[in-house]
């Protein structure tokens, strides 16, 4: 069975860590170098009229369309936060056709608008489709616990237990509480912990000390996993991307 390469990356709305420079073009080049089959992206800017006026290098396309065009991938975008002159959310880019997708609102307060982008696709050469869930969870632990409970209900009610599943994104889980919910209730396993015994440190990009980003799987086995450290990644977003190679169980 063919393996697939997946990556998750909070792109910080295409801006440098301190929001001084537009990094969208550089991100596209760096993402292309990963040669990932499926990309789970968070903080994707669908529109920002103010930055478009301020920065000459701001791309004319929505960021998910721009990256999809540069990487020759298909794209799905889940709008999470809308404001007067723009919006942002999660996106999934795939080398394979995205058969179906929907975006679920997992916000638990009016200050942080969060979503779960649910996509179904079939990797080339695979005999069954997989579910790809791209998520961005809240900053506060008690909010995240509410979101985990909602996520558990949603997956149990809508995704067959025998269907291969990838849940990836920015968990903001510096306390490392997600495992006790996702492993116990859903049978999900985090790829870095499975392979190396601990979560990957991915934030802040220049000196990563916090394990905020994750790739959880069910019905899939990780062969390898890497944190993309150093240049150019350290000067692009405030997060580092995680990559993993997976095969069906």
C-alpha atoms as a PDB file:
ATOM      1  CA  UNK A   1       0.000   0.000   0.000  1.00  0.00           C
ATOM      2  CA  UNK A   2       1.288   3.459  -0.891  1.00  0.00           C
ATOM      3  CA  UNK A   3       2.216   5.805   1.941  1.00  0.00           C
ATOM      4  CA  UNK A   4       1.047   9.417   2.082  1.00  0.00           C
ATOM      5  CA  UNK A   5       2.825  12.450   3.461  1.00  0.00           C
ATOM      6  CA  UNK A   6       0.785  14.919   5.513  1.00  0.00           C
ATOM      7  CA  UNK A   7       1.717  18.217   7.139  1.00  0.00           C
ATOM      8  CA  UNK A   8       0.042  20.640   9.527  1.00  0.00           C
ATOM      9  CA  UNK A   9       0.980  24.317   9.737  1.00  0.00           C
ATOM     10  CA  UNK A  10      -0.419  27.441  11.385  1.00  0.00           C
ATOM     11  CA  UNK A  11       0.573  30.026   8.773  1.00  0.00           C
ATOM     12  CA  UNK A  12      -0.142  33.101  10.956  1.00  0.00           C
ATOM     13  CA  UNK A  13      -2.260  34.652   8.190  1.00  0.00           C
ATOM     14  CA  UNK A  14       0.720  34.716   5.864  1.00  0.00           C
ATOM     15  CA  UNK A  15       2.668  37.154   8.021  1.00  0.00           C
ATOM     16  CA  UNK A  16       6.081  36.977   9.720  1.00  0.00           C
ATOM     17  CA  UNK A  17       6.128  36.177  13.471  1.00  0.00           C
ATOM     18  CA  UNK A  18       5.840  39.849  14.513  1.00  0.00           C
ATOM     19  CA  UNK A  19       3.444  40.764  11.651  1.00  0.00           C
ATOM     20  CA  UNK A  20       5.966  43.063   9.980  1.00  0.00           C
ATOM     21  CA  UNK A  21       6.381  41.287   6.645  1.00  0.00           C
ATOM     22  CA  UNK A  22       4.191  39.375   4.199  1.00  0.00           C
ATOM     23  CA  UNK A  23       5.523  35.829   3.850  1.00  0.00           C
ATOM     24  CA  UNK A  24       2.925  34.265   1.556  1.00  0.00           C
ATOM     25  CA  UNK A  25       5.218  33.824  -1.477  1.00  0.00           C
ATOM     26  CA  UNK A  26       8.035  32.426   0.676  1.00  0.00           C
ATOM     27  CA  UNK A  27       5.579  30.102   2.409  1.00  0.00           C
ATOM     28  CA  UNK A  28       4.386  28.766  -0.938  1.00  0.00           C
ATOM     29  CA  UNK A  29       7.967  27.957  -1.959  1.00  0.00           C
ATOM     30  CA  UNK A  30       8.675  26.304   1.395  1.00  0.00           C
ATOM     31  CA  UNK A  31       5.428  24.323   1.363  1.00  0.00           C
ATOM     32  CA  UNK A  32       6.147  23.103  -2.154  1.00  0.00           C
ATOM     33  CA  UNK A  33       9.497  21.781  -0.948  1.00  0.00           C
ATOM     34  CA  UNK A  34       7.715  19.559   1.573  1.00  0.00           C
ATOM     35  CA  UNK A  35       6.002  17.628  -1.254  1.00  0.00           C
ATOM     36  CA  UNK A  36       3.129  16.800   1.112  1.00  0.00           C
ATOM     37  CA  UNK A  37       0.090  15.024  -0.278  1.00  0.00           C
ATOM     38  CA  UNK A  38      -2.266  16.652   2.253  1.00  0.00           C
ATOM     39  CA  UNK A  39      -1.704  19.961   4.040  1.00  0.00           C
ATOM     40  CA  UNK A  40      -3.717  21.016   7.100  1.00  0.00           C
ATOM     41  CA  UNK A  41      -3.448  24.816   7.400  1.00  0.00           C
ATOM     42  CA  UNK A  42      -4.702  27.109  10.156  1.00  0.00           C
ATOM     43  CA  UNK A  43      -5.068  30.909  10.296  1.00  0.00           C
ATOM     44  CA  UNK A  44      -5.526  31.089   6.541  1.00  0.00           C
ATOM     45  CA  UNK A  45      -6.520  34.570   5.385  1.00  0.00           C
ATOM     46  CA  UNK A  46      -9.430  34.347   2.977  1.00  0.00           C
ATOM     47  CA  UNK A  47      -9.566  38.147   2.699  1.00  0.00           C
ATOM     48  CA  UNK A  48      -7.938  41.137   4.368  1.00  0.00           C
ATOM     49  CA  UNK A  49      -8.553  44.430   2.569  1.00  0.00           C
ATOM     50  CA  UNK A  50      -6.376  46.448   4.950  1.00  0.00           C
ATOM     51  CA  UNK A  51      -3.286  44.305   4.405  1.00  0.00           C
ATOM     52  CA  UNK A  52      -3.967  44.172   0.680  1.00  0.00           C
ATOM     53  CA  UNK A  53      -3.826  47.979   0.600  1.00  0.00           C
ATOM     54  CA  UNK A  54      -0.810  48.237   2.884  1.00  0.00           C
ATOM     55  CA  UNK A  55       1.436  45.556   1.351  1.00  0.00           C
ATOM     56  CA  UNK A  56       2.258  45.514  -2.363  1.00  0.00           C
ATOM     57  CA  UNK A  57       3.263  41.847  -2.101  1.00  0.00           C
ATOM     58  CA  UNK A  58      -0.139  40.773  -0.746  1.00  0.00           C
ATOM     59  CA  UNK A  59      -1.458  38.174  -3.256  1.00  0.00           C
ATOM     60  CA  UNK A  60      -4.649  39.027  -5.168  1.00  0.00           C
ATOM     61  CA  UNK A  61      -6.077  35.555  -4.455  1.00  0.00           C
ATOM     62  CA  UNK A  62      -7.339  34.200  -1.158  1.00  0.00           C
ATOM     63  CA  UNK A  63      -4.444  32.422   0.495  1.00  0.00           C
ATOM     64  CA  UNK A  64      -5.885  28.922   0.148  1.00  0.00           C
ATOM     65  CA  UNK A  65      -6.415  29.493  -3.572  1.00  0.00           C
ATOM     66  CA  UNK A  66      -2.939  30.985  -3.936  1.00  0.00           C
ATOM     67  CA  UNK A  67      -1.241  28.031  -2.232  1.00  0.00           C
ATOM     68  CA  UNK A  68      -3.366  25.534  -4.145  1.00  0.00           C
ATOM     69  CA  UNK A  69      -2.369  27.181  -7.423  1.00  0.00           C
ATOM     70  CA  UNK A  70       1.330  27.225  -6.536  1.00  0.00           C
ATOM     71  CA  UNK A  71       1.351  23.616  -5.328  1.00  0.00           C
ATOM     72  CA  UNK A  72      -1.106  22.261  -7.929  1.00  0.00           C
ATOM     73  CA  UNK A  73      -3.396  21.001  -5.141  1.00  0.00           C
ATOM     74  CA  UNK A  74      -7.129  21.064  -4.568  1.00  0.00           C
ATOM     75  CA  UNK A  75      -8.356  23.283  -1.741  1.00  0.00           C
ATOM     76  CA  UNK A  76     -11.182  23.419   0.791  1.00  0.00           C
ATOM     77  CA  UNK A  77     -11.596  26.440   3.072  1.00  0.00           C
ATOM     78  CA  UNK A  78     -13.575  26.755   6.267  1.00  0.00           C
ATOM     79  CA  UNK A  79     -14.328  30.360   7.203  1.00  0.00           C
ATOM     80  CA  UNK A  80     -14.194  30.707  10.985  1.00  0.00           C
ATOM     81  CA  UNK A  81     -13.802  34.399  11.818  1.00  0.00           C
ATOM     82  CA  UNK A  82     -15.432  37.155   9.731  1.00  0.00           C
ATOM     83  CA  UNK A  83     -14.911  40.871  10.312  1.00  0.00           C
ATOM     84  CA  UNK A  84     -15.658  44.111   8.489  1.00  0.00           C
ATOM     85  CA  UNK A  85     -12.796  43.980   6.011  1.00  0.00           C
ATOM     86  CA  UNK A  86     -11.858  40.321   5.923  1.00  0.00           C
ATOM     87  CA  UNK A  87     -12.058  36.774   7.218  1.00  0.00           C
ATOM     88  CA  UNK A  88      -9.826  33.808   8.071  1.00  0.00           C
ATOM     89  CA  UNK A  89     -10.157  30.129   8.884  1.00  0.00           C
ATOM     90  CA  UNK A  90      -8.713  26.667   8.247  1.00  0.00           C
ATOM     91  CA  UNK A  91      -7.860  25.151   4.877  1.00  0.00           C
ATOM     92  CA  UNK A  92      -7.020  21.728   3.551  1.00  0.00           C
ATOM     93  CA  UNK A  93      -4.864  21.359   0.438  1.00  0.00           C
ATOM     94  CA  UNK A  94      -4.776  17.950  -1.214  1.00  0.00           C
ATOM     95  CA  UNK A  95      -2.970  16.355  -4.123  1.00  0.00           C
ATOM     96  CA  UNK A  96      -6.017  14.091  -4.342  1.00  0.00           C
ATOM     97  CA  UNK A  97      -9.587  15.038  -5.182  1.00  0.00           C
ATOM     98  CA  UNK A  98     -11.569  16.188  -2.170  1.00  0.00           C
ATOM     99  CA  UNK A  99     -14.787  14.194  -2.471  1.00  0.00           C
ATOM    100  CA  UNK A 100     -16.827  16.048   0.166  1.00  0.00           C
ATOM    101  CA  UNK A 101     -16.211  18.693   2.788  1.00  0.00           C
ATOM    102  CA  UNK A 102     -18.009  20.749   5.402  1.00  0.00           C
ATOM    103  CA  UNK A 103     -17.024  23.243   8.082  1.00  0.00           C
ATOM    104  CA  UNK A 104     -18.241  22.847  11.675  1.00  0.00           C
ATOM    105  CA  UNK A 105     -18.358  25.768  14.097  1.00  0.00           C
ATOM    106  CA  UNK A 106     -16.644  24.748  17.361  1.00  0.00           C
ATOM    107  CA  UNK A 107     -16.580  28.226  18.929  1.00  0.00           C
ATOM    108  CA  UNK A 108     -17.393  28.344  22.639  1.00  0.00           C
ATOM    109  CA  UNK A 109     -17.251  32.121  23.147  1.00  0.00           C
ATOM    110  CA  UNK A 110     -17.631  35.247  21.032  1.00  0.00           C
ATOM    111  CA  UNK A 111     -13.977  36.246  21.266  1.00  0.00           C
ATOM    112  CA  UNK A 112     -12.368  33.219  19.589  1.00  0.00           C
ATOM    113  CA  UNK A 113     -14.078  31.972  16.452  1.00  0.00           C
ATOM    114  CA  UNK A 114     -12.902  28.422  15.787  1.00  0.00           C
ATOM    115  CA  UNK A 115     -13.810  25.709  13.318  1.00  0.00           C
ATOM    116  CA  UNK A 116     -13.334  22.081  12.332  1.00  0.00           C
ATOM    117  CA  UNK A 117     -12.901  21.521   8.595  1.00  0.00           C
ATOM    118  CA  UNK A 118     -14.113  18.013   7.716  1.00  0.00           C
ATOM    119  CA  UNK A 119     -12.945  16.567   4.375  1.00  0.00           C
ATOM    120  CA  UNK A 120     -13.210  13.128   2.799  1.00  0.00           C
ATOM    121  CA  UNK A 121     -10.740  12.014   0.120  1.00  0.00           C
ATOM    122  CA  UNK A 122      -9.196   8.864  -1.301  1.00  0.00           C
ATOM    123  CA  UNK A 123      -5.404   8.762  -1.749  1.00  0.00           C
ATOM    124  CA  UNK A 124      -4.194   7.383  -5.050  1.00  0.00           C
ATOM    125  CA  UNK A 125      -3.876   3.606  -4.907  1.00  0.00           C
ATOM    126  CA  UNK A 126      -5.828   3.277  -1.656  1.00  0.00           C
ATOM    127  CA  UNK A 127      -8.840   0.997  -1.415  1.00  0.00           C
ATOM    128  CA  UNK A 128     -10.809   3.163   1.006  1.00  0.00           C
ATOM    129  CA  UNK A 129     -11.381   6.879   1.625  1.00  0.00           C
ATOM    130  CA  UNK A 130     -10.008   8.702   4.653  1.00  0.00           C
ATOM    131  CA  UNK A 131     -11.379  11.520   6.774  1.00  0.00           C
ATOM    132  CA  UNK A 132      -9.163  14.589   7.200  1.00  0.00           C
ATOM    133  CA  UNK A 133     -10.114  16.969  10.024  1.00  0.00           C
ATOM    134  CA  UNK A 134      -8.326  20.320  10.241  1.00  0.00           C
ATOM    135  CA  UNK A 135      -8.805  22.107  13.563  1.00  0.00           C
ATOM    136  CA  UNK A 136      -7.759  25.149  15.572  1.00  0.00           C
ATOM    137  CA  UNK A 137      -8.621  25.054  19.274  1.00  0.00           C
ATOM    138  CA  UNK A 138      -8.970  27.815  21.864  1.00  0.00           C
ATOM    139  CA  UNK A 139      -6.230  29.339  23.990  1.00  0.00           C
ATOM    140  CA  UNK A 140      -7.781  28.563  27.388  1.00  0.00           C
ATOM    141  CA  UNK A 141      -7.825  25.007  28.743  1.00  0.00           C
ATOM    142  CA  UNK A 142     -11.438  25.029  29.974  1.00  0.00           C
ATOM    143  CA  UNK A 143     -12.574  26.184  26.508  1.00  0.00           C
ATOM    144  CA  UNK A 144     -10.578  23.430  24.839  1.00  0.00           C
ATOM    145  CA  UNK A 145     -12.169  20.823  27.107  1.00  0.00           C
ATOM    146  CA  UNK A 146     -15.592  21.904  25.885  1.00  0.00           C
ATOM    147  CA  UNK A 147     -14.358  21.663  22.300  1.00  0.00           C
ATOM    148  CA  UNK A 148     -12.920  18.181  22.893  1.00  0.00           C
ATOM    149  CA  UNK A 149     -16.280  16.981  24.253  1.00  0.00           C
ATOM    150  CA  UNK A 150     -18.055  18.427  21.218  1.00  0.00           C
ATOM    151  CA  UNK A 151     -15.455  16.889  18.894  1.00  0.00           C
ATOM    152  CA  UNK A 152     -15.870  13.473  20.504  1.00  0.00           C
ATOM    153  CA  UNK A 153     -19.651  13.600  20.054  1.00  0.00           C
ATOM    154  CA  UNK A 154     -19.304  14.770  16.463  1.00  0.00           C
ATOM    155  CA  UNK A 155     -16.841  12.053  15.455  1.00  0.00           C
ATOM    156  CA  UNK A 156     -18.777   9.283  17.211  1.00  0.00           C
ATOM    157  CA  UNK A 157     -22.026  10.351  15.515  1.00  0.00           C
ATOM    158  CA  UNK A 158     -20.717  11.115  12.020  1.00  0.00           C
ATOM    159  CA  UNK A 159     -17.584   9.086  11.263  1.00  0.00           C
ATOM    160  CA  UNK A 160     -17.639   5.260  11.202  1.00  0.00           C
ATOM    161  CA  UNK A 161     -15.075   3.786  13.589  1.00  0.00           C
ATOM    162  CA  UNK A 162     -13.561   1.673  10.802  1.00  0.00           C
ATOM    163  CA  UNK A 163     -12.900   4.710   8.577  1.00  0.00           C
ATOM    164  CA  UNK A 164      -9.250   5.915   8.623  1.00  0.00           C
ATOM    165  CA  UNK A 165      -9.027   9.336  10.257  1.00  0.00           C
ATOM    166  CA  UNK A 166      -6.476  12.158  10.535  1.00  0.00           C
ATOM    167  CA  UNK A 167      -7.059  15.011  12.973  1.00  0.00           C
ATOM    168  CA  UNK A 168      -4.391  17.699  12.649  1.00  0.00           C
ATOM    169  CA  UNK A 169      -3.954  21.334  13.536  1.00  0.00           C
ATOM    170  CA  UNK A 170      -3.119  23.865  16.211  1.00  0.00           C
ATOM    171  CA  UNK A 171      -4.277  22.468  19.560  1.00  0.00           C
ATOM    172  CA  UNK A 172      -2.863  25.277  21.734  1.00  0.00           C
ATOM    173  CA  UNK A 173      -2.397  22.448  24.210  1.00  0.00           C
ATOM    174  CA  UNK A 174       0.749  23.433  26.092  1.00  0.00           C
ATOM    175  CA  UNK A 175      -0.529  21.441  29.118  1.00  0.00           C
ATOM    176  CA  UNK A 176      -0.729  18.318  26.936  1.00  0.00           C
ATOM    177  CA  UNK A 177      -4.277  17.425  28.023  1.00  0.00           C
ATOM    178  CA  UNK A 178      -5.653  16.461  24.606  1.00  0.00           C
ATOM    179  CA  UNK A 179      -4.415  12.878  24.737  1.00  0.00           C
ATOM    180  CA  UNK A 180      -6.531  11.893  27.723  1.00  0.00           C
ATOM    181  CA  UNK A 181      -9.644  12.920  25.782  1.00  0.00           C
ATOM    182  CA  UNK A 182      -8.781  11.854  22.245  1.00  0.00           C
ATOM    183  CA  UNK A 183      -7.016   8.573  22.985  1.00  0.00           C
ATOM    184  CA  UNK A 184      -9.456   7.332  25.617  1.00  0.00           C
ATOM    185  CA  UNK A 185     -12.698   8.381  23.922  1.00  0.00           C
ATOM    186  CA  UNK A 186     -11.811   8.080  20.230  1.00  0.00           C
ATOM    187  CA  UNK A 187      -8.826   5.747  19.995  1.00  0.00           C
ATOM    188  CA  UNK A 188      -6.709   8.414  18.321  1.00  0.00           C
ATOM    189  CA  UNK A 189      -2.906   8.299  18.567  1.00  0.00           C
ATOM    190  CA  UNK A 190      -0.546  11.225  18.081  1.00  0.00           C
ATOM    191  CA  UNK A 191       2.177  10.392  15.565  1.00  0.00           C
ATOM    192  CA  UNK A 192       5.171  11.978  17.335  1.00  0.00           C
ATOM    193  CA  UNK A 193       4.255  10.411  20.663  1.00  0.00           C
ATOM    194  CA  UNK A 194       3.773   7.037  18.971  1.00  0.00           C
ATOM    195  CA  UNK A 195       7.163   7.185  17.248  1.00  0.00           C
ATOM    196  CA  UNK A 196       9.298   9.145  19.715  1.00  0.00           C
ATOM    197  CA  UNK A 197       7.478   9.098  23.034  1.00  0.00           C
ATOM    198  CA  UNK A 198       6.699  12.823  23.170  1.00  0.00           C
ATOM    199  CA  UNK A 199       4.913  15.565  21.272  1.00  0.00           C
ATOM    200  CA  UNK A 200       6.845  17.781  18.872  1.00  0.00           C
ATOM    201  CA  UNK A 201       7.775  21.290  20.009  1.00  0.00           C
ATOM    202  CA  UNK A 202       6.588  23.729  17.375  1.00  0.00           C
ATOM    203  CA  UNK A 203       6.126  27.159  19.011  1.00  0.00           C
ATOM    204  CA  UNK A 204       7.549  29.767  18.871  1.00  0.00           C
ATOM    205  CA  UNK A 205       9.220  29.086  15.554  1.00  0.00           C
ATOM    206  CA  UNK A 206      12.604  30.636  16.375  1.00  0.00           C
ATOM    207  CA  UNK A 207      13.000  28.784  19.667  1.00  0.00           C
ATOM    208  CA  UNK A 208      10.333  26.076  19.851  1.00  0.00           C
ATOM    209  CA  UNK A 209       9.530  25.034  23.413  1.00  0.00           C
ATOM    210  CA  UNK A 210       5.751  24.407  23.375  1.00  0.00           C
ATOM    211  CA  UNK A 211       4.043  21.364  21.772  1.00  0.00           C
ATOM    212  CA  UNK A 212       1.039  23.189  20.324  1.00  0.00           C
ATOM    213  CA  UNK A 213       0.631  21.454  16.973  1.00  0.00           C
ATOM    214  CA  UNK A 214      -0.407  17.819  16.574  1.00  0.00           C
ATOM    215  CA  UNK A 215      -1.201  15.068  14.089  1.00  0.00           C
ATOM    216  CA  UNK A 216      -3.571  12.414  15.497  1.00  0.00           C
ATOM    217  CA  UNK A 217      -4.524   9.305  13.532  1.00  0.00           C
ATOM    218  CA  UNK A 218      -6.853   6.304  13.728  1.00  0.00           C
ATOM    219  CA  UNK A 219      -6.667   3.341  11.362  1.00  0.00           C
ATOM    220  CA  UNK A 220      -3.291   4.584  10.096  1.00  0.00           C
ATOM    221  CA  UNK A 221       0.309   3.880  11.102  1.00  0.00           C
ATOM    222  CA  UNK A 222       3.037   6.554  11.142  1.00  0.00           C
ATOM    223  CA  UNK A 223       6.305   5.563   9.475  1.00  0.00           C
ATOM    224  CA  UNK A 224       8.173   8.779  10.264  1.00  0.00           C
ATOM    225  CA  UNK A 225       7.512  12.304  11.517  1.00  0.00           C
ATOM    226  CA  UNK A 226       9.518  15.518  11.497  1.00  0.00           C
ATOM    227  CA  UNK A 227       9.394  19.096  12.748  1.00  0.00           C
ATOM    228  CA  UNK A 228      10.613  21.492  10.057  1.00  0.00           C
ATOM    229  CA  UNK A 229      13.098  23.569  12.041  1.00  0.00           C
ATOM    230  CA  UNK A 230      15.604  26.247  11.038  1.00  0.00           C
ATOM    231  CA  UNK A 231      15.512  28.406   7.930  1.00  0.00           C
ATOM    232  CA  UNK A 232      13.350  29.257   6.109  1.00  0.00           C
ATOM    233  CA  UNK A 233      10.684  28.115   8.575  1.00  0.00           C
ATOM    234  CA  UNK A 234      11.945  30.103  11.561  1.00  0.00           C
ATOM    235  CA  UNK A 235      11.327  33.409   9.777  1.00  0.00           C
ATOM    236  CA  UNK A 236       7.994  32.583   8.133  1.00  0.00           C
ATOM    237  CA  UNK A 237       5.157  31.955  10.618  1.00  0.00           C
ATOM    238  CA  UNK A 238       5.276  31.953  14.421  1.00  0.00           C
ATOM    239  CA  UNK A 239       4.677  28.163  14.308  1.00  0.00           C
ATOM    240  CA  UNK A 240       6.739  25.396  12.726  1.00  0.00           C
ATOM    241  CA  UNK A 241       5.084  22.811  10.463  1.00  0.00           C
ATOM    242  CA  UNK A 242       4.897  19.141  11.391  1.00  0.00           C
ATOM    243  CA  UNK A 243       5.144  16.389   8.780  1.00  0.00           C
ATOM    244  CA  UNK A 244       4.364  12.667   8.933  1.00  0.00           C
ATOM    245  CA  UNK A 245       4.339   9.739   6.540  1.00  0.00           C
ATOM    246  CA  UNK A 246       1.384   7.384   7.035  1.00  0.00           C
ATOM    247  CA  UNK A 247       0.158   4.022   5.793  1.00  0.00           C
ATOM    248  CA  UNK A 248      -3.106   2.145   6.307  1.00  0.00           C
ATOM    249  CA  UNK A 249      -3.177  -0.408   9.102  1.00  0.00           C
END
